[in-house]
Protein backbone atom coordinates (compact mmCIF):
# COMPACT_ATOMS: atom_id res chain seq x y z
CA MET A 1 20.32 -9.86 -10.13
CA ASP A 2 20.62 -8.30 -6.66
CA ARG A 3 18.07 -8.77 -3.88
CA SER A 4 16.23 -5.53 -4.69
CA ASP A 5 15.86 -6.51 -8.34
CA GLU A 6 14.65 -9.98 -7.35
CA VAL A 7 11.96 -8.45 -5.14
CA LYS A 8 10.79 -6.08 -7.86
CA HIS A 9 10.64 -8.92 -10.36
CA ALA A 10 8.53 -10.91 -7.88
CA VAL A 11 6.20 -7.92 -7.48
CA GLN A 12 5.78 -7.64 -11.25
CA GLU A 13 5.07 -11.38 -11.49
CA GLN A 14 2.59 -11.35 -8.63
CA PHE A 15 0.64 -8.26 -9.64
CA GLY A 16 0.89 -8.89 -13.37
CA LYS A 17 -0.95 -12.19 -13.20
CA ASN A 18 -3.45 -10.99 -10.59
CA ALA A 19 -4.08 -7.50 -11.96
CA GLN A 20 -7.83 -7.84 -12.48
CA GLN A 21 -8.29 -9.37 -9.03
CA TYR A 22 -6.78 -6.24 -7.47
CA VAL A 23 -8.99 -3.97 -9.55
CA GLU A 24 -12.07 -5.87 -8.33
CA SER A 25 -10.94 -6.61 -4.76
CA LYS A 26 -13.48 -5.23 -2.28
CA THR A 27 -10.67 -4.59 0.22
CA HIS A 28 -8.94 -2.28 -2.26
CA ALA A 29 -11.94 -0.86 -4.12
CA GLN A 30 -14.39 -0.16 -1.31
CA GLY A 31 -12.28 0.79 1.73
CA ASP A 32 -13.69 3.70 3.73
CA ASP A 33 -10.22 5.23 3.58
CA LEU A 34 -10.91 6.32 -0.02
CA GLN A 35 -13.58 8.80 1.02
CA LEU A 36 -11.72 9.67 4.21
CA LEU A 37 -8.64 10.75 2.28
CA VAL A 38 -10.78 13.19 0.27
CA GLN A 39 -12.19 14.59 3.53
CA TRP A 40 -8.73 14.97 5.04
CA LEU A 41 -7.12 16.53 1.98
CA THR A 42 -9.90 18.80 0.63
CA PRO A 43 -8.17 18.56 -2.78
CA GLN A 44 -8.02 21.65 -4.97
CA THR A 45 -9.00 21.82 -8.64
CA SER A 46 -5.54 23.19 -9.52
CA TRP A 47 -3.62 20.28 -7.98
CA LYS A 48 -1.35 17.90 -9.84
CA VAL A 49 -1.36 14.55 -8.03
CA LEU A 50 1.01 11.59 -8.12
CA ASP A 51 -0.41 8.21 -7.07
CA ILE A 52 2.49 5.79 -6.48
CA ALA A 53 1.93 2.05 -6.93
CA THR A 54 -1.61 2.75 -8.07
CA GLY A 55 -2.54 -0.95 -8.26
CA GLY A 56 -6.17 -1.10 -9.37
CA GLY A 57 -6.25 2.69 -9.68
CA HIS A 58 -8.72 3.21 -6.84
CA VAL A 59 -7.05 6.29 -5.32
CA ALA A 60 -6.50 7.82 -8.75
CA ARG A 61 -10.18 7.35 -9.62
CA THR A 62 -11.29 8.77 -6.27
CA LEU A 63 -9.19 11.93 -6.62
CA ALA A 64 -9.53 12.56 -10.36
CA PRO A 65 -12.86 14.46 -10.19
CA HIS A 66 -11.42 16.87 -7.62
CA VAL A 67 -8.05 17.84 -9.17
CA ALA A 68 -6.47 19.02 -12.42
CA GLN A 69 -4.47 15.87 -13.14
CA VAL A 70 -3.51 12.55 -11.57
CA VAL A 71 -0.36 10.74 -12.67
CA ALA A 72 -0.83 7.08 -11.71
CA THR A 73 2.36 5.02 -11.57
CA ASP A 74 3.02 1.35 -11.02
CA LEU A 75 5.98 -0.97 -11.44
CA THR A 76 3.81 -3.50 -13.28
CA ARG A 77 2.57 -2.72 -16.79
CA PRO A 78 -0.40 -5.16 -16.78
CA MET A 79 -1.53 -3.60 -13.50
CA LEU A 80 -1.48 -0.15 -15.12
CA ALA A 81 -3.41 -1.48 -18.11
CA ALA A 82 -6.09 -2.98 -15.83
CA ALA A 83 -6.35 0.28 -13.87
CA ALA A 84 -6.61 2.34 -17.06
CA GLN A 85 -9.41 0.08 -18.34
CA ALA A 86 -11.31 0.37 -15.05
CA ASN A 87 -10.84 4.15 -14.92
CA GLN A 88 -11.48 5.02 -18.57
CA ALA A 89 -14.32 7.38 -17.63
CA GLU A 90 -11.79 9.66 -15.91
CA LYS A 91 -9.98 11.58 -18.65
CA ASN A 92 -7.42 13.39 -16.48
CA ILE A 93 -5.45 10.33 -15.32
CA LEU A 94 -2.08 9.68 -16.97
CA TYR A 95 -0.53 6.22 -16.53
CA VAL A 96 3.25 5.85 -16.22
CA GLN A 97 5.28 2.72 -15.48
CA ALA A 98 7.70 3.75 -12.73
CA ASP A 99 9.69 2.48 -9.76
CA ALA A 100 8.61 4.07 -6.46
CA GLU A 101 12.25 4.26 -5.38
CA SER A 102 13.42 6.08 -8.53
CA LEU A 103 10.66 8.28 -9.89
CA PRO A 104 11.03 9.74 -13.42
CA PHE A 105 9.74 13.20 -12.46
CA LEU A 106 11.35 16.56 -11.86
CA ASN A 107 11.83 18.04 -8.39
CA GLU A 108 8.78 19.71 -6.85
CA SER A 109 6.43 18.58 -9.64
CA PHE A 110 3.35 17.68 -7.55
CA ASP A 111 0.98 19.21 -5.01
CA LEU A 112 -0.03 15.85 -3.55
CA VAL A 113 1.56 12.39 -3.50
CA THR A 114 -0.43 9.33 -2.44
CA CYS A 115 0.53 5.72 -1.82
CA ARG A 116 -2.03 3.20 -0.58
CA ILE A 117 -1.49 -0.41 0.56
CA ALA A 118 1.71 -0.92 -1.42
CA ALA A 119 4.84 0.14 0.45
CA HIS A 120 5.28 -3.24 2.17
CA HIS A 121 6.42 -4.44 -1.28
CA PHE A 122 9.21 -1.83 -1.55
CA PRO A 123 12.76 -3.10 -0.89
CA ASP A 124 14.04 0.34 0.17
CA PRO A 125 11.42 2.37 2.09
CA ASN A 126 13.92 5.16 2.75
CA ALA A 127 14.48 5.65 -0.99
CA PHE A 128 10.72 5.71 -1.51
CA VAL A 129 10.12 8.44 1.09
CA ARG A 130 13.13 10.41 -0.19
CA GLU A 131 11.67 10.32 -3.71
CA VAL A 132 8.24 11.41 -2.46
CA SER A 133 9.84 14.40 -0.76
CA ARG A 134 11.89 15.25 -3.85
CA VAL A 135 8.97 15.37 -6.29
CA LEU A 136 6.61 17.18 -3.89
CA ARG A 137 6.52 20.95 -3.73
CA PRO A 138 7.23 22.64 -0.37
CA GLY A 139 3.97 22.79 1.53
CA GLY A 140 2.60 19.89 -0.51
CA TRP A 141 0.85 16.88 0.95
CA PHE A 142 1.76 13.22 1.31
CA LEU A 143 -1.13 10.84 2.02
CA PHE A 144 0.19 7.41 3.00
CA ILE A 145 -1.72 4.22 3.82
CA ASP A 146 -0.18 0.83 4.46
CA ASN A 147 -0.31 -2.31 6.54
CA VAL A 148 2.02 -1.88 9.50
CA SER A 149 3.67 -4.27 11.91
CA PRO A 150 3.28 -4.18 15.70
CA GLU A 151 5.97 -2.42 17.71
CA ALA A 152 6.88 -5.64 19.59
CA ASN A 153 9.59 -7.54 17.70
CA GLU A 154 8.14 -11.04 18.17
CA LEU A 155 4.72 -10.00 16.91
CA ALA A 156 6.24 -8.04 14.04
CA SER A 157 8.34 -11.01 12.94
CA PHE A 158 5.31 -13.29 12.99
CA VAL A 159 3.10 -10.91 11.01
CA ASN A 160 5.77 -10.46 8.34
CA LEU A 161 6.45 -14.21 8.13
CA VAL A 162 2.76 -14.88 7.56
CA GLU A 163 2.68 -12.25 4.81
CA GLN A 164 5.83 -13.60 3.15
CA THR A 165 4.42 -17.14 3.20
CA ARG A 166 1.17 -15.91 1.70
CA ASP A 167 2.79 -13.57 -0.85
CA PRO A 168 6.44 -13.98 -1.97
CA SER A 169 6.47 -10.38 -3.21
CA HIS A 170 5.97 -9.09 0.34
CA VAL A 171 9.11 -7.45 1.74
CA ARG A 172 8.25 -6.11 5.19
CA CYS A 173 5.58 -4.18 7.01
CA LEU A 174 7.31 -1.44 8.96
CA SER A 175 6.02 -0.24 12.31
CA VAL A 176 4.43 3.18 12.74
CA THR A 177 7.55 4.28 14.63
CA GLU A 178 9.78 3.28 11.72
CA TRP A 179 7.60 5.13 9.20
CA ARG A 180 7.54 8.23 11.40
CA GLU A 181 11.32 8.24 11.56
CA LEU A 182 11.55 8.07 7.76
CA HIS A 183 8.96 10.80 7.30
CA SER A 184 10.76 13.10 9.73
CA ALA A 185 14.12 12.43 8.07
CA HIS A 186 12.74 13.65 4.73
CA ASP A 187 11.08 16.88 5.85
CA PHE A 188 7.55 15.66 6.53
CA VAL A 189 5.39 16.81 9.43
CA GLU A 190 2.52 14.55 10.46
CA CYS A 191 -0.82 16.38 10.51
CA LYS A 192 -3.44 13.65 10.90
CA GLN A 193 -3.37 9.90 11.39
CA ARG A 194 -5.52 6.82 11.97
CA LEU A 195 -4.45 3.36 13.10
CA ARG A 196 -7.08 0.64 12.73
CA LYS A 197 -7.58 -3.11 12.72
CA LYS A 198 -8.50 -4.43 9.29
CA PRO A 199 -10.22 -7.85 9.33
CA PHE A 200 -10.30 -10.29 6.43
CA ALA A 201 -12.22 -13.43 5.63
CA PHE A 202 -9.27 -15.81 5.59
CA LEU A 203 -9.87 -17.85 2.46
CA PRO A 204 -10.35 -15.00 -0.09
CA TRP A 205 -7.42 -13.17 1.51
CA VAL A 206 -5.01 -16.08 1.18
CA GLN A 207 -6.27 -17.18 -2.24
CA ARG A 208 -5.69 -13.74 -3.78
CA THR A 209 -1.93 -14.35 -3.82
CA SER A 210 -1.53 -18.11 -3.48
CA GLU A 211 0.08 -20.34 -6.08
CA SER A 212 -1.26 -23.62 -4.73
CA PRO A 213 -3.46 -25.25 -2.09
CA GLU A 214 -0.22 -26.25 -0.36
CA GLN A 215 0.74 -22.62 0.06
CA GLU A 216 -2.68 -21.79 1.49
CA LYS A 217 -2.38 -24.71 3.90
CA ALA A 218 1.06 -23.53 5.02
CA VAL A 219 -0.34 -20.11 5.94
CA GLU A 220 -3.26 -21.65 7.78
CA GLN A 221 -1.06 -24.08 9.72
CA MET A 222 1.25 -21.23 10.74
CA LEU A 223 -1.71 -19.38 12.22
CA LEU A 224 -3.17 -22.44 13.92
CA ALA A 225 0.20 -23.24 15.52
CA ALA A 226 0.83 -19.70 16.79
CA PRO A 227 0.83 -18.96 20.54
CA LYS A 228 -2.52 -17.83 21.95
CA ASP A 229 -1.37 -14.24 22.51
CA ILE A 230 -0.34 -13.91 18.87
CA GLN A 231 -3.61 -15.50 17.71
CA ALA A 232 -5.48 -12.97 19.81
CA TYR A 233 -3.48 -10.06 18.38
CA VAL A 234 -4.26 -11.04 14.78
CA GLY A 235 -7.92 -11.57 15.61
CA LEU A 236 -7.93 -15.22 14.68
CA GLN A 237 -11.33 -16.89 14.59
CA ILE A 238 -11.20 -20.67 14.29
CA GLU A 239 -14.14 -22.96 13.56
CA GLN A 240 -13.78 -26.76 13.46
CA GLY A 241 -10.03 -26.46 13.13
CA ARG A 242 -10.13 -24.01 10.21
CA VAL A 243 -9.15 -20.34 10.19
CA MET A 244 -12.14 -18.11 9.41
CA THR A 245 -10.79 -14.58 9.93
CA TYR A 246 -7.48 -12.79 10.25
CA GLN A 247 -6.73 -9.12 10.88
CA ILE A 248 -3.85 -6.75 10.29
CA ASP A 249 -3.00 -3.24 11.40
CA GLU A 250 -3.38 -0.44 8.86
CA TRP A 251 -2.00 3.08 9.30
CA MET A 252 -3.28 6.10 7.41
CA VAL A 253 -1.36 9.35 7.78
CA MET A 254 -1.41 12.78 6.15
CA CYS A 255 1.91 14.65 6.19
CA GLN A 256 2.97 18.04 4.90
CA LYS A 257 6.36 18.75 3.38
CA GLN A 258 8.13 21.49 5.26
CA GLY A 259 9.10 24.68 3.48
CA GLY A 260 5.67 25.93 2.47
CA THR A 261 4.13 29.19 3.54
């Protein structure tokens, strides 16, 4: 098994056993980005939409009332089953098990492709963006949301190490600059974007993916031992020697595939 396969197996393990938690997670289910993406996109009733790495199916459920069809994909079958159960009121969502880096769809099949808070689990981000471009019609839209790393290398390395310690299925948060380079390389033009700080209560955040109290302690100790400038960047709040809050950077961007009229 090569490194990419190992990562994908870890993703399936992680999300398979925690599927219902991701469906119910307030961070995933109630983010203001869900309504914002509808405002940005003004989806059309004729659109066919692909939601990659649908997770709890929150984007698919948000868009379904506005479009003709949503195809929700995920690498993890139990995750798809949990999303389908949560979204059973929406009759125009089709669920397909699929790898984001090798999509089982024909060229130019979709009017809109979305991917929200998932790409940091992908071993090959370039293959992912290439596939998005391939299955999207010219002039179609790509709405992308993910946690991103800071531009400074030291900060980026720390943020990714914390995430990998917390969640073994984490690969890497790319920087905004790195994502922009990939988007440009695959015929996407950025039309609108938002970069924001996203705070978490530490304990629920770390417990969502932890295997043991020891793992949770390792994450907390890493944060407590970090230099003050790094602690400030990640918005660390400490009370009586315990981490209370942590924050990460999240980037939301709407791109259009070149070639449309």
